[in-house]
PDB file of N, CA and C in Angstrom:
ATOM      1  N   MET A   1      30.981   1.015   3.360  1.00  0.00           N
ATOM      2  CA  MET A   1      31.264   1.054   4.792  1.00  0.00           C
ATOM      3  C   MET A   1      31.040  -0.334   5.363  1.00  0.00           C
ATOM      4  N   ASN A   2      31.888  -0.717   6.282  1.00  0.00           N
ATOM      5  CA  ASN A   2      31.766  -2.008   6.954  1.00  0.00           C
ATOM      6  C   ASN A   2      31.153  -1.824   8.337  1.00  0.00           C
ATOM      7  N   GLU A   3      30.494  -2.881   8.807  1.00  0.00           N
ATOM      8  CA  GLU A   3      29.955  -2.858  10.163  1.00  0.00           C
ATOM      9  C   GLU A   3      31.102  -3.047  11.150  1.00  0.00           C
ATOM     10  N   LEU A   4      31.011  -2.363  12.274  1.00  0.00           N
ATOM     11  CA  LEU A   4      32.044  -2.452  13.301  1.00  0.00           C
ATOM     12  C   LEU A   4      31.768  -3.608  14.251  1.00  0.00           C
ATOM     13  N   THR A   5      32.837  -4.188  14.782  1.00  0.00           N
ATOM     14  CA  THR A   5      32.677  -5.172  15.850  1.00  0.00           C
ATOM     15  C   THR A   5      32.295  -4.407  17.120  1.00  0.00           C
ATOM     16  N   LYS A   6      31.889  -5.132  18.139  1.00  0.00           N
ATOM     17  CA  LYS A   6      31.523  -4.490  19.406  1.00  0.00           C
ATOM     18  C   LYS A   6      32.699  -3.695  19.972  1.00  0.00           C
ATOM     19  N   ALA A   7      33.892  -4.269  19.946  1.00  0.00           N
ATOM     20  CA  ALA A   7      35.074  -3.577  20.477  1.00  0.00           C
ATOM     21  C   ALA A   7      35.409  -2.337  19.653  1.00  0.00           C
ATOM     22  N   GLU A   8      35.321  -2.456  18.335  1.00  0.00           N
ATOM     23  CA  GLU A   8      35.590  -1.303  17.464  1.00  0.00           C
ATOM     24  C   GLU A   8      34.576  -0.191  17.704  1.00  0.00           C
ATOM     25  N   GLU A   9      33.316  -0.570  17.849  1.00  0.00           N
ATOM     26  CA  GLU A   9      32.272   0.427  18.082  1.00  0.00           C
ATOM     27  C   GLU A   9      32.485   1.137  19.418  1.00  0.00           C
ATOM     28  N   GLU A  10      32.925   0.405  20.421  1.00  0.00           N
ATOM     29  CA  GLU A  10      33.185   1.010  21.730  1.00  0.00           C
ATOM     30  C   GLU A  10      34.295   2.064  21.629  1.00  0.00           C
ATOM     31  N   ILE A  11      35.317   1.767  20.849  1.00  0.00           N
ATOM     32  CA  ILE A  11      36.402   2.726  20.643  1.00  0.00           C
ATOM     33  C   ILE A  11      35.893   3.929  19.848  1.00  0.00           C
ATOM     34  N   MET A  12      35.109   3.672  18.809  1.00  0.00           N
ATOM     35  CA  MET A  12      34.569   4.773  17.997  1.00  0.00           C
ATOM     36  C   MET A  12      33.658   5.672  18.827  1.00  0.00           C
ATOM     37  N   GLN A  13      32.857   5.093  19.715  1.00  0.00           N
ATOM     38  CA  GLN A  13      31.985   5.909  20.569  1.00  0.00           C
ATOM     39  C   GLN A  13      32.823   6.915  21.360  1.00  0.00           C
ATOM     40  N   GLN A  14      33.942   6.451  21.881  1.00  0.00           N
ATOM     41  CA  GLN A  14      34.811   7.346  22.655  1.00  0.00           C
ATOM     42  C   GLN A  14      35.442   8.407  21.756  1.00  0.00           C
ATOM     43  N   LEU A  15      35.874   8.002  20.582  1.00  0.00           N
ATOM     44  CA  LEU A  15      36.509   8.955  19.672  1.00  0.00           C
ATOM     45  C   LEU A  15      35.507   9.990  19.154  1.00  0.00           C
ATOM     46  N   TRP A  16      34.285   9.570  18.892  1.00  0.00           N
ATOM     47  CA  TRP A  16      33.254  10.533  18.484  1.00  0.00           C
ATOM     48  C   TRP A  16      33.030  11.567  19.585  1.00  0.00           C
ATOM     49  N   GLU A  17      33.053  11.109  20.802  1.00  0.00           N
ATOM     50  CA  GLU A  17      32.844  11.988  21.950  1.00  0.00           C
ATOM     51  C   GLU A  17      34.042  12.932  22.144  1.00  0.00           C
ATOM     52  N   LEU A  18      35.226  12.401  22.036  1.00  0.00           N
ATOM     53  CA  LEU A  18      36.445  13.180  22.295  1.00  0.00           C
ATOM     54  C   LEU A  18      36.861  14.068  21.114  1.00  0.00           C
ATOM     55  N   LYS A  19      36.440  13.720  19.915  1.00  0.00           N
ATOM     56  CA  LYS A  19      36.807  14.409  18.666  1.00  0.00           C
ATOM     57  C   LYS A  19      38.230  14.054  18.214  1.00  0.00           C
ATOM     58  N   ARG A  20      39.222  14.278  19.055  1.00  0.00           N
ATOM     59  CA  ARG A  20      40.622  13.932  18.775  1.00  0.00           C
ATOM     60  C   ARG A  20      41.196  13.341  20.055  1.00  0.00           C
ATOM     61  N   ALA A  21      41.966  12.250  19.920  1.00  0.00           N
ATOM     62  CA  ALA A  21      42.475  11.616  21.140  1.00  0.00           C
ATOM     63  C   ALA A  21      43.675  10.735  20.855  1.00  0.00           C
ATOM     64  N   TYR A  22      44.490  10.591  21.881  1.00  0.00           N
ATOM     65  CA  TYR A  22      45.568   9.608  21.886  1.00  0.00           C
ATOM     66  C   TYR A  22      44.987   8.322  22.458  1.00  0.00           C
ATOM     67  N   VAL A  23      45.667   7.214  22.240  1.00  0.00           N
ATOM     68  CA  VAL A  23      45.188   5.922  22.744  1.00  0.00           C
ATOM     69  C   VAL A  23      44.953   5.995  24.249  1.00  0.00           C
ATOM     70  N   LYS A  24      45.843   6.642  24.980  1.00  0.00           N
ATOM     71  CA  LYS A  24      45.695   6.727  26.442  1.00  0.00           C
ATOM     72  C   LYS A  24      44.415   7.470  26.832  1.00  0.00           C
ATOM     73  N   ASP A  25      44.022   8.476  26.031  1.00  0.00           N
ATOM     74  CA  ASP A  25      42.779   9.219  26.299  1.00  0.00           C
ATOM     75  C   ASP A  25      41.557   8.320  26.134  1.00  0.00           C
ATOM     76  N   ILE A  26      41.600   7.475  25.127  1.00  0.00           N
ATOM     77  CA  ILE A  26      40.494   6.545  24.876  1.00  0.00           C
ATOM     78  C   ILE A  26      40.391   5.547  26.027  1.00  0.00           C
ATOM     79  N   ILE A  27      41.525   5.010  26.439  1.00  0.00           N
ATOM     80  CA  ILE A  27      41.550   4.014  27.523  1.00  0.00           C
ATOM     81  C   ILE A  27      40.974   4.603  28.808  1.00  0.00           C
ATOM     82  N   GLU A  28      41.310   5.850  29.110  1.00  0.00           N
ATOM     83  CA  GLU A  28      40.813   6.497  30.331  1.00  0.00           C
ATOM     84  C   GLU A  28      39.294   6.510  30.394  1.00  0.00           C
ATOM     85  N   ARG A  29      38.641   6.591  29.265  1.00  0.00           N
ATOM     86  CA  ARG A  29      37.181   6.699  29.219  1.00  0.00           C
ATOM     87  C   ARG A  29      36.474   5.351  29.183  1.00  0.00           C
ATOM     88  N   LEU A  30      37.214   4.277  28.963  1.00  0.00           N
ATOM     89  CA  LEU A  30      36.604   2.946  28.886  1.00  0.00           C
ATOM     90  C   LEU A  30      36.294   2.429  30.287  1.00  0.00           C
ATOM     91  N   PRO A  31      35.242   1.612  30.403  1.00  0.00           N
ATOM     92  CA  PRO A  31      34.863   1.076  31.723  1.00  0.00           C
ATOM     93  C   PRO A  31      35.880   0.059  32.229  1.00  0.00           C
ATOM     94  N   GLU A  32      35.827  -0.160  33.516  1.00  0.00           N
ATOM     95  CA  GLU A  32      36.668  -1.181  34.158  1.00  0.00           C
ATOM     96  C   GLU A  32      36.122  -2.559  33.801  1.00  0.00           C
ATOM     97  N   PRO A  33      36.921  -3.564  33.681  1.00  0.00           N
ATOM     98  CA  PRO A  33      38.380  -3.517  33.704  1.00  0.00           C
ATOM     99  C   PRO A  33      38.896  -2.924  32.399  1.00  0.00           C
ATOM    100  N   LYS A  34      39.848  -2.031  32.507  1.00  0.00           N
ATOM    101  CA  LYS A  34      40.411  -1.348  31.344  1.00  0.00           C
ATOM    102  C   LYS A  34      41.206  -2.350  30.492  1.00  0.00           C
ATOM    103  N   PRO A  35      41.036  -2.266  29.173  1.00  0.00           N
ATOM    104  CA  PRO A  35      41.836  -3.141  28.308  1.00  0.00           C
ATOM    105  C   PRO A  35      43.291  -2.671  28.276  1.00  0.00           C
ATOM    106  N   ALA A  36      44.157  -3.546  27.864  1.00  0.00           N
ATOM    107  CA  ALA A  36      45.584  -3.210  27.763  1.00  0.00           C
ATOM    108  C   ALA A  36      45.789  -2.173  26.664  1.00  0.00           C
ATOM    109  N   TYR A  37      46.814  -1.359  26.839  1.00  0.00           N
ATOM    110  CA  TYR A  37      47.161  -0.335  25.849  1.00  0.00           C
ATOM    111  C   TYR A  37      47.331  -0.966  24.471  1.00  0.00           C
ATOM    112  N   THR A  38      48.012  -2.105  24.410  1.00  0.00           N
ATOM    113  CA  THR A  38      48.269  -2.747  23.116  1.00  0.00           C
ATOM    114  C   THR A  38      46.976  -3.213  22.451  1.00  0.00           C
ATOM    115  N   THR A  39      46.005  -3.620  23.246  1.00  0.00           N
ATOM    116  CA  THR A  39      44.715  -4.050  22.708  1.00  0.00           C
ATOM    117  C   THR A  39      44.007  -2.874  22.042  1.00  0.00           C
ATOM    118  N   VAL A  40      43.921  -1.757  22.744  1.00  0.00           N
ATOM    119  CA  VAL A  40      43.257  -0.577  22.198  1.00  0.00           C
ATOM    120  C   VAL A  40      44.021  -0.059  20.982  1.00  0.00           C
ATOM    121  N   SER A  41      45.337  -0.047  21.068  1.00  0.00           N
ATOM    122  CA  SER A  41      46.166   0.401  19.954  1.00  0.00           C
ATOM    123  C   SER A  41      45.933  -0.455  18.708  1.00  0.00           C
ATOM    124  N   THR A  42      45.802  -1.754  18.889  1.00  0.00           N
ATOM    125  CA  THR A  42      45.535  -2.660  17.769  1.00  0.00           C
ATOM    126  C   THR A  42      44.173  -2.357  17.150  1.00  0.00           C
ATOM    127  N   ILE A  43      43.153  -2.160  17.984  1.00  0.00           N
ATOM    128  CA  ILE A  43      41.812  -1.854  17.484  1.00  0.00           C
ATOM    129  C   ILE A  43      41.823  -0.522  16.735  1.00  0.00           C
ATOM    130  N   VAL A  44      42.545   0.448  17.252  1.00  0.00           N
ATOM    131  CA  VAL A  44      42.641   1.761  16.594  1.00  0.00           C
ATOM    132  C   VAL A  44      43.279   1.600  15.209  1.00  0.00           C
ATOM    133  N   ARG A  45      44.333   0.803  15.116  1.00  0.00           N
ATOM    134  CA  ARG A  45      44.973   0.585  13.809  1.00  0.00           C
ATOM    135  C   ARG A  45      44.030  -0.133  12.840  1.00  0.00           C
ATOM    136  N   ILE A  46      43.228  -1.061  13.350  1.00  0.00           N
ATOM    137  CA  ILE A  46      42.233  -1.742  12.506  1.00  0.00           C
ATOM    138  C   ILE A  46      41.207  -0.731  12.004  1.00  0.00           C
ATOM    139  N   LEU A  47      40.738   0.142  12.893  1.00  0.00           N
ATOM    140  CA  LEU A  47      39.777   1.179  12.498  1.00  0.00           C
ATOM    141  C   LEU A  47      40.376   2.113  11.445  1.00  0.00           C
ATOM    142  N   GLU A  48      41.649   2.394  11.579  1.00  0.00           N
ATOM    143  CA  GLU A  48      42.320   3.244  10.599  1.00  0.00           C
ATOM    144  C   GLU A  48      42.405   2.521   9.251  1.00  0.00           C
ATOM    145  N   ARG A  49      42.748   1.246   9.287  1.00  0.00           N
ATOM    146  CA  ARG A  49      42.827   0.450   8.054  1.00  0.00           C
ATOM    147  C   ARG A  49      41.453   0.356   7.378  1.00  0.00           C
ATOM    148  N   LYS A  50      40.390   0.290   8.171  1.00  0.00           N
ATOM    149  CA  LYS A  50      39.030   0.224   7.627  1.00  0.00           C
ATOM    150  C   LYS A  50      38.538   1.577   7.120  1.00  0.00           C
ATOM    151  N   GLY A  51      39.281   2.640   7.394  1.00  0.00           N
ATOM    152  CA  GLY A  51      38.914   3.963   6.907  1.00  0.00           C
ATOM    153  C   GLY A  51      38.011   4.754   7.832  1.00  0.00           C
ATOM    154  N   PHE A  52      37.815   4.278   9.064  1.00  0.00           N
ATOM    155  CA  PHE A  52      36.953   4.985  10.004  1.00  0.00           C
ATOM    156  C   PHE A  52      37.667   6.138  10.691  1.00  0.00           C
ATOM    157  N   ILE A  53      38.965   6.007  10.870  1.00  0.00           N
ATOM    158  CA  ILE A  53      39.717   7.059  11.556  1.00  0.00           C
ATOM    159  C   ILE A  53      41.017   7.343  10.810  1.00  0.00           C
ATOM    160  N   ASP A  54      41.648   8.430  11.182  1.00  0.00           N
ATOM    161  CA  ASP A  54      42.959   8.792  10.660  1.00  0.00           C
ATOM    162  C   ASP A  54      43.752   9.344  11.829  1.00  0.00           C
ATOM    163  N   HIS A  55      44.995   9.709  11.578  1.00  0.00           N
ATOM    164  CA  HIS A  55      45.808  10.219  12.684  1.00  0.00           C
ATOM    165  C   HIS A  55      46.688  11.375  12.222  1.00  0.00           C
ATOM    166  N   GLU A  56      47.136  12.103  13.201  1.00  0.00           N
ATOM    167  CA  GLU A  56      48.141  13.134  13.006  1.00  0.00           C
ATOM    168  C   GLU A  56      49.315  12.737  13.893  1.00  0.00           C
ATOM    169  N   ALA A  57      50.508  12.682  13.308  1.00  0.00           N
ATOM    170  CA  ALA A  57      51.699  12.251  14.052  1.00  0.00           C
ATOM    171  C   ALA A  57      52.333  13.431  14.778  1.00  0.00           C
ATOM    172  N   PHE A  58      52.702  13.184  16.013  1.00  0.00           N
ATOM    173  CA  PHE A  58      53.462  14.125  16.832  1.00  0.00           C
ATOM    174  C   PHE A  58      54.663  13.350  17.356  1.00  0.00           C
ATOM    175  N   GLY A  59      55.734  13.363  16.579  1.00  0.00           N
ATOM    176  CA  GLY A  59      56.879  12.531  16.931  1.00  0.00           C
ATOM    177  C   GLY A  59      56.489  11.073  16.796  1.00  0.00           C
ATOM    178  N   LYS A  60      56.681  10.318  17.870  1.00  0.00           N
ATOM    179  CA  LYS A  60      56.347   8.894  17.842  1.00  0.00           C
ATOM    180  C   LYS A  60      54.905   8.616  18.268  1.00  0.00           C
ATOM    181  N   THR A  61      54.200   9.633  18.718  1.00  0.00           N
ATOM    182  CA  THR A  61      52.813   9.424  19.146  1.00  0.00           C
ATOM    183  C   THR A  61      51.856   9.868  18.050  1.00  0.00           C
ATOM    184  N   HIS A  62      50.656   9.305  18.108  1.00  0.00           N
ATOM    185  CA  HIS A  62      49.632   9.623  17.122  1.00  0.00           C
ATOM    186  C   HIS A  62      48.366  10.092  17.823  1.00  0.00           C
ATOM    187  N   GLN A  63      47.815  11.160  17.289  1.00  0.00           N
ATOM    188  CA  GLN A  63      46.517  11.629  17.763  1.00  0.00           C
ATOM    189  C   GLN A  63      45.499  11.221  16.698  1.00  0.00           C
ATOM    190  N   TYR A  64      44.454  10.542  17.133  1.00  0.00           N
ATOM    191  CA  TYR A  64      43.475   9.979  16.205  1.00  0.00           C
ATOM    192  C   TYR A  64      42.213  10.827  16.155  1.00  0.00           C
ATOM    193  N   PHE A  65      41.571  10.798  14.997  1.00  0.00           N
ATOM    194  CA  PHE A  65      40.302  11.502  14.805  1.00  0.00           C
ATOM    195  C   PHE A  65      39.442  10.715  13.825  1.00  0.00           C
ATOM    196  N   SER A  66      38.152  10.910  13.933  1.00  0.00           N
ATOM    197  CA  SER A  66      37.191  10.172  13.129  1.00  0.00           C
ATOM    198  C   SER A  66      37.125  10.719  11.707  1.00  0.00           C
ATOM    199  N   LYS A  67      37.032   9.825  10.755  1.00  0.00           N
ATOM    200  CA  LYS A  67      36.773  10.200   9.365  1.00  0.00           C
ATOM    201  C   LYS A  67      35.313   9.924   8.997  1.00  0.00           C
ATOM    202  N   VAL A  68      34.662   9.098   9.791  1.00  0.00           N
ATOM    203  CA  VAL A  68      33.253   8.741   9.582  1.00  0.00           C
ATOM    204  C   VAL A  68      32.475   9.306  10.761  1.00  0.00           C
ATOM    205  N   SER A  69      31.485  10.123  10.477  1.00  0.00           N
ATOM    206  CA  SER A  69      30.711  10.724  11.565  1.00  0.00           C
ATOM    207  C   SER A  69      29.798   9.688  12.222  1.00  0.00           C
ATOM    208  N   LYS A  70      29.438   9.983  13.433  1.00  0.00           N
ATOM    209  CA  LYS A  70      28.520   9.103  14.162  1.00  0.00           C
ATOM    210  C   LYS A  70      27.191   9.019  13.418  1.00  0.00           C
ATOM    211  N   GLU A  71      26.746  10.142  12.880  1.00  0.00           N
ATOM    212  CA  GLU A  71      25.477  10.186  12.140  1.00  0.00           C
ATOM    213  C   GLU A  71      25.542   9.300  10.888  1.00  0.00           C
ATOM    214  N   ASP A  72      26.649   9.353  10.150  1.00  0.00           N
ATOM    215  CA  ASP A  72      26.788   8.518   8.953  1.00  0.00           C
ATOM    216  C   ASP A  72      26.786   7.036   9.328  1.00  0.00           C
ATOM    217  N   TYR A  73      27.485   6.691  10.411  1.00  0.00           N
ATOM    218  CA  TYR A  73      27.500   5.288  10.826  1.00  0.00           C
ATOM    219  C   TYR A  73      26.124   4.858  11.331  1.00  0.00           C
ATOM    220  N   ARG A  74      25.450   5.727  12.072  1.00  0.00           N
ATOM    221  CA  ARG A  74      24.090   5.426  12.548  1.00  0.00           C
ATOM    222  C   ARG A  74      23.171   5.151  11.358  1.00  0.00           C
ATOM    223  N   ARG A  75      23.272   5.979  10.332  1.00  0.00           N
ATOM    224  CA  ARG A  75      22.446   5.806   9.126  1.00  0.00           C
ATOM    225  C   ARG A  75      22.756   4.459   8.460  1.00  0.00           C
ATOM    226  N   PHE A  76      24.038   4.123   8.353  1.00  0.00           N
ATOM    227  CA  PHE A  76      24.449   2.854   7.752  1.00  0.00           C
ATOM    228  C   PHE A  76      23.875   1.663   8.523  1.00  0.00           C
ATOM    229  N   VAL A  77      24.023   1.673   9.845  1.00  0.00           N
ATOM    230  CA  VAL A  77      23.554   0.560  10.676  1.00  0.00           C
ATOM    231  C   VAL A  77      22.031   0.460  10.629  1.00  0.00           C
ATOM    232  N   THR A  78      21.366   1.591  10.669  1.00  0.00           N
ATOM    233  CA  THR A  78      19.894   1.594  10.622  1.00  0.00           C
ATOM    234  C   THR A  78      19.396   1.060   9.285  1.00  0.00           C
ATOM    235  N   ASP A  79      20.018   1.507   8.194  1.00  0.00           N
ATOM    236  CA  ASP A  79      19.634   1.009   6.870  1.00  0.00           C
ATOM    237  C   ASP A  79      19.844  -0.501   6.775  1.00  0.00           C
ATOM    238  N   LYS A  80      20.957  -0.967   7.306  1.00  0.00           N
ATOM    239  CA  LYS A  80      21.241  -2.408   7.275  1.00  0.00           C
ATOM    240  C   LYS A  80      20.207  -3.185   8.090  1.00  0.00           C
ATOM    241  N   LEU A  81      19.881  -2.680   9.270  1.00  0.00           N
ATOM    242  CA  LEU A  81      18.870  -3.307  10.117  1.00  0.00           C
ATOM    243  C   LEU A  81      17.523  -3.351   9.390  1.00  0.00           C
ATOM    244  N   MET A  82      17.127  -2.219   8.834  1.00  0.00           N
ATOM    245  CA  MET A  82      15.840  -2.152   8.127  1.00  0.00           C
ATOM    246  C   MET A  82      15.802  -3.126   6.956  1.00  0.00           C
ATOM    247  N   ASN A  83      16.859  -3.146   6.153  1.00  0.00           N
ATOM    248  CA  ASN A  83      16.886  -4.014   4.970  1.00  0.00           C
ATOM    249  C   ASN A  83      16.986  -5.481   5.336  1.00  0.00           C
ATOM    250  N   SER A  84      17.818  -5.810   6.318  1.00  0.00           N
ATOM    251  CA  SER A  84      18.075  -7.216   6.648  1.00  0.00           C
ATOM    252  C   SER A  84      16.968  -7.879   7.453  1.00  0.00           C
ATOM    253  N   TYR A  85      16.294  -7.120   8.318  1.00  0.00           N
ATOM    254  CA  TYR A  85      15.355  -7.750   9.248  1.00  0.00           C
ATOM    255  C   TYR A  85      13.906  -7.293   9.116  1.00  0.00           C
ATOM    256  N   PHE A  86      13.677  -6.163   8.446  1.00  0.00           N
ATOM    257  CA  PHE A  86      12.313  -5.632   8.390  1.00  0.00           C
ATOM    258  C   PHE A  86      11.856  -5.324   6.968  1.00  0.00           C
ATOM    259  N   ASP A  87      12.491  -5.937   5.978  1.00  0.00           N
ATOM    260  CA  ASP A  87      12.116  -5.748   4.570  1.00  0.00           C
ATOM    261  C   ASP A  87      11.963  -4.271   4.209  1.00  0.00           C
ATOM    262  N   ASN A  88      12.798  -3.448   4.804  1.00  0.00           N
ATOM    263  CA  ASN A  88      12.810  -1.999   4.556  1.00  0.00           C
ATOM    264  C   ASN A  88      11.470  -1.345   4.912  1.00  0.00           C
ATOM    265  N   SER A  89      10.787  -1.915   5.911  1.00  0.00           N
ATOM    266  CA  SER A  89       9.484  -1.417   6.323  1.00  0.00           C
ATOM    267  C   SER A  89       9.542  -0.857   7.748  1.00  0.00           C
ATOM    268  N   VAL A  90       9.297   0.437   7.864  1.00  0.00           N
ATOM    269  CA  VAL A  90       9.242   1.061   9.186  1.00  0.00           C
ATOM    270  C   VAL A  90       8.090   0.457   9.982  1.00  0.00           C
ATOM    271  N   GLU A  91       6.987   0.182   9.305  1.00  0.00           N
ATOM    272  CA  GLU A  91       5.821  -0.403   9.976  1.00  0.00           C
ATOM    273  C   GLU A  91       6.182  -1.735  10.631  1.00  0.00           C
ATOM    274  N   LYS A  92       6.909  -2.599   9.919  1.00  0.00           N
ATOM    275  CA  LYS A  92       7.314  -3.888  10.483  1.00  0.00           C
ATOM    276  C   LYS A  92       8.264  -3.695  11.664  1.00  0.00           C
ATOM    277  N   MET A  93       9.160  -2.712  11.547  1.00  0.00           N
ATOM    278  CA  MET A  93      10.114  -2.474  12.625  1.00  0.00           C
ATOM    279  C   MET A  93       9.400  -1.976  13.876  1.00  0.00           C
ATOM    280  N   VAL A  94       8.531  -0.993  13.731  1.00  0.00           N
ATOM    281  CA  VAL A  94       7.812  -0.452  14.880  1.00  0.00           C
ATOM    282  C   VAL A  94       6.916  -1.523  15.486  1.00  0.00           C
ATOM    283  N   SER A  95       6.265  -2.307  14.643  1.00  0.00           N
ATOM    284  CA  SER A  95       5.411  -3.397  15.126  1.00  0.00           C
ATOM    285  C   SER A  95       6.227  -4.390  15.954  1.00  0.00           C
ATOM    286  N   PHE A  96       7.419  -4.726  15.482  1.00  0.00           N
ATOM    287  CA  PHE A  96       8.298  -5.635  16.217  1.00  0.00           C
ATOM    288  C   PHE A  96       8.620  -5.081  17.603  1.00  0.00           C
ATOM    289  N   PHE A  97       9.023  -3.810  17.660  1.00  0.00           N
ATOM    290  CA  PHE A  97       9.390  -3.221  18.945  1.00  0.00           C
ATOM    291  C   PHE A  97       8.175  -3.063  19.861  1.00  0.00           C
ATOM    292  N   MET A  98       7.005  -2.835  19.293  1.00  0.00           N
ATOM    293  CA  MET A  98       5.785  -2.755  20.117  1.00  0.00           C
ATOM    294  C   MET A  98       5.484  -4.129  20.720  1.00  0.00           C
ATOM    295  N   LYS A  99       5.576  -5.172  19.913  1.00  0.00           N
ATOM    296  CA  LYS A  99       5.295  -6.529  20.393  1.00  0.00           C
ATOM    297  C   LYS A  99       6.304  -6.964  21.458  1.00  0.00           C
ATOM    298  N   GLU A 100       7.536  -6.543  21.303  1.00  0.00           N
ATOM    299  CA  GLU A 100       8.584  -6.898  22.265  1.00  0.00           C
ATOM    300  C   GLU A 100       8.574  -5.968  23.477  1.00  0.00           C
ATOM    301  N   GLN A 101       7.619  -5.051  23.505  1.00  0.00           N
ATOM    302  CA  GLN A 101       7.457  -4.073  24.583  1.00  0.00           C
ATOM    303  C   GLN A 101       8.696  -3.188  24.746  1.00  0.00           C
ATOM    304  N   GLN A 102       9.391  -2.994  23.641  1.00  0.00           N
ATOM    305  CA  GLN A 102      10.537  -2.087  23.634  1.00  0.00           C
ATOM    306  C   GLN A 102      10.057  -0.638  23.493  1.00  0.00           C
ATOM    307  N   ILE A 103       8.852  -0.479  22.927  1.00  0.00           N
ATOM    308  CA  ILE A 103       8.252   0.849  22.787  1.00  0.00           C
ATOM    309  C   ILE A 103       6.967   0.854  23.597  1.00  0.00           C
ATOM    310  N   LYS A 104       6.884   1.777  24.525  1.00  0.00           N
ATOM    311  CA  LYS A 104       5.682   1.912  25.337  1.00  0.00           C
ATOM    312  C   LYS A 104       4.659   2.750  24.574  1.00  0.00           C
ATOM    313  N   LEU A 105       3.397   2.663  24.987  1.00  0.00           N
ATOM    314  CA  LEU A 105       2.340   3.386  24.275  1.00  0.00           C
ATOM    315  C   LEU A 105       2.592   4.890  24.231  1.00  0.00           C
ATOM    316  N   GLY A 106       3.079   5.457  25.325  1.00  0.00           N
ATOM    317  CA  GLY A 106       3.380   6.887  25.338  1.00  0.00           C
ATOM    318  C   GLY A 106       4.446   7.244  24.324  1.00  0.00           C
ATOM    319  N   GLU A 107       5.443   6.372  24.185  1.00  0.00           N
ATOM    320  CA  GLU A 107       6.495   6.594  23.195  1.00  0.00           C
ATOM    321  C   GLU A 107       5.933   6.463  21.782  1.00  0.00           C
ATOM    322  N   ALA A 108       5.020   5.528  21.585  1.00  0.00           N
ATOM    323  CA  ALA A 108       4.388   5.364  20.273  1.00  0.00           C
ATOM    324  C   ALA A 108       3.619   6.630  19.905  1.00  0.00           C
ATOM    325  N   ASP A 109       2.937   7.215  20.889  1.00  0.00           N
ATOM    326  CA  ASP A 109       2.234   8.480  20.630  1.00  0.00           C
ATOM    327  C   ASP A 109       3.209   9.571  20.216  1.00  0.00           C
ATOM    328  N   GLU A 110       4.347   9.632  20.870  1.00  0.00           N
ATOM    329  CA  GLU A 110       5.369  10.632  20.522  1.00  0.00           C
ATOM    330  C   GLU A 110       5.900  10.396  19.108  1.00  0.00           C
ATOM    331  N   ILE A 111       6.078   9.132  18.738  1.00  0.00           N
ATOM    332  CA  ILE A 111       6.532   8.796  17.389  1.00  0.00           C
ATOM    333  C   ILE A 111       5.496   9.270  16.369  1.00  0.00           C
ATOM    334  N   LEU A 112       4.233   9.028  16.654  1.00  0.00           N
ATOM    335  CA  LEU A 112       3.176   9.474  15.739  1.00  0.00           C
ATOM    336  C   LEU A 112       3.161  10.993  15.604  1.00  0.00           C
ATOM    337  N   LYS A 113       3.374  11.702  16.703  1.00  0.00           N
ATOM    338  CA  LYS A 113       3.438  13.164  16.653  1.00  0.00           C
ATOM    339  C   LYS A 113       4.621  13.626  15.808  1.00  0.00           C
ATOM    340  N   MET A 114       5.755  12.964  15.956  1.00  0.00           N
ATOM    341  CA  MET A 114       6.935  13.318  15.163  1.00  0.00           C
ATOM    342  C   MET A 114       6.681  13.076  13.675  1.00  0.00           C
ATOM    343  N   ILE A 115       6.013  11.969  13.356  1.00  0.00           N
ATOM    344  CA  ILE A 115       5.697  11.656  11.961  1.00  0.00           C
ATOM    345  C   ILE A 115       4.767  12.727  11.394  1.00  0.00           C
ATOM    346  N   GLU A 116       3.764  13.085  12.161  1.00  0.00           N
ATOM    347  CA  GLU A 116       2.815  14.113  11.706  1.00  0.00           C
ATOM    348  C   GLU A 116       3.514  15.456  11.500  1.00  0.00           C
ATOM    349  N   LYS A 117       4.384  15.816  12.414  1.00  0.00           N
ATOM    350  CA  LYS A 117       5.137  17.064  12.298  1.00  0.00           C
ATOM    351  C   LYS A 117       6.028  17.034  11.049  1.00  0.00           C
ATOM    352  N   PHE A 118       6.684  15.912  10.830  1.00  0.00           N
ATOM    353  CA  PHE A 118       7.537  15.758   9.651  1.00  0.00           C
ATOM    354  C   PHE A 118       6.699  15.865   8.384  1.00  0.00           C
ATOM    355  N   ARG A 119       5.553  15.201   8.381  1.00  0.00           N
ATOM    356  CA  ARG A 119       4.654  15.222   7.213  1.00  0.00           C
ATOM    357  C   ARG A 119       4.190  16.643   6.920  1.00  0.00           C
ATOM    358  N   ASN A 120       3.832  17.405   7.969  1.00  0.00           N
ATOM    359  CA  ASN A 120       3.375  18.779   7.768  1.00  0.00           C
ATOM    360  C   ASN A 120       4.483  19.681   7.247  1.00  0.00           C
ATOM    361  N   ASN A 121       5.724  19.445   7.663  1.00  0.00           N
ATOM    362  CA  ASN A 121       6.846  20.261   7.208  1.00  0.00           C
ATOM    363  C   ASN A 121       7.263  19.925   5.783  1.00  0.00           C
ATOM    364  N   LYS A 122       6.941  18.725   5.300  1.00  0.00           N
ATOM    365  CA  LYS A 122       7.334  18.301   3.953  1.00  0.00           C
ATOM    366  C   LYS A 122       6.332  18.745   2.893  1.00  0.00           C
ATOM    367  N   GLN A 123       5.098  19.057   3.298  1.00  0.00           N
ATOM    368  CA  GLN A 123       4.084  19.429   2.321  1.00  0.00           C
ATOM    369  C   GLN A 123       4.318  20.851   1.825  1.00  0.00           C
ATOM    370  N   PRO A 124       4.085  21.071   0.500  1.00  0.00           N
ATOM    371  CA  PRO A 124       4.281  22.420  -0.056  1.00  0.00           C
ATOM    372  C   PRO A 124       3.257  23.415   0.436  1.00  0.00           C
TER     373      PRO A 124
END
């Protein structure tokens, strides 16, 4: 799997939400200023070439749908982030976000509770 550009990811976010869509449907959901139809159409074709989406033809129009789930892409991006920047260490990642004040203490407590719950569910 390849990493998406910002523009490609923005299109995929809309397609994941819509499930199936024509280019015009995707454009309607994008923020102002809206990109040109040809711009979105080009990005959609790139995503199709990369294997992220496919289409069903209805005459001359195409309805697009995702071949890669949001969860699978999230897992790919998270794994890449962990491997590239945190030596595959959750501890280093959480420490980084704590130092950058991206995670507040209350959120850290919730993370610890989730870890404990996960640990209890995994034990035989």
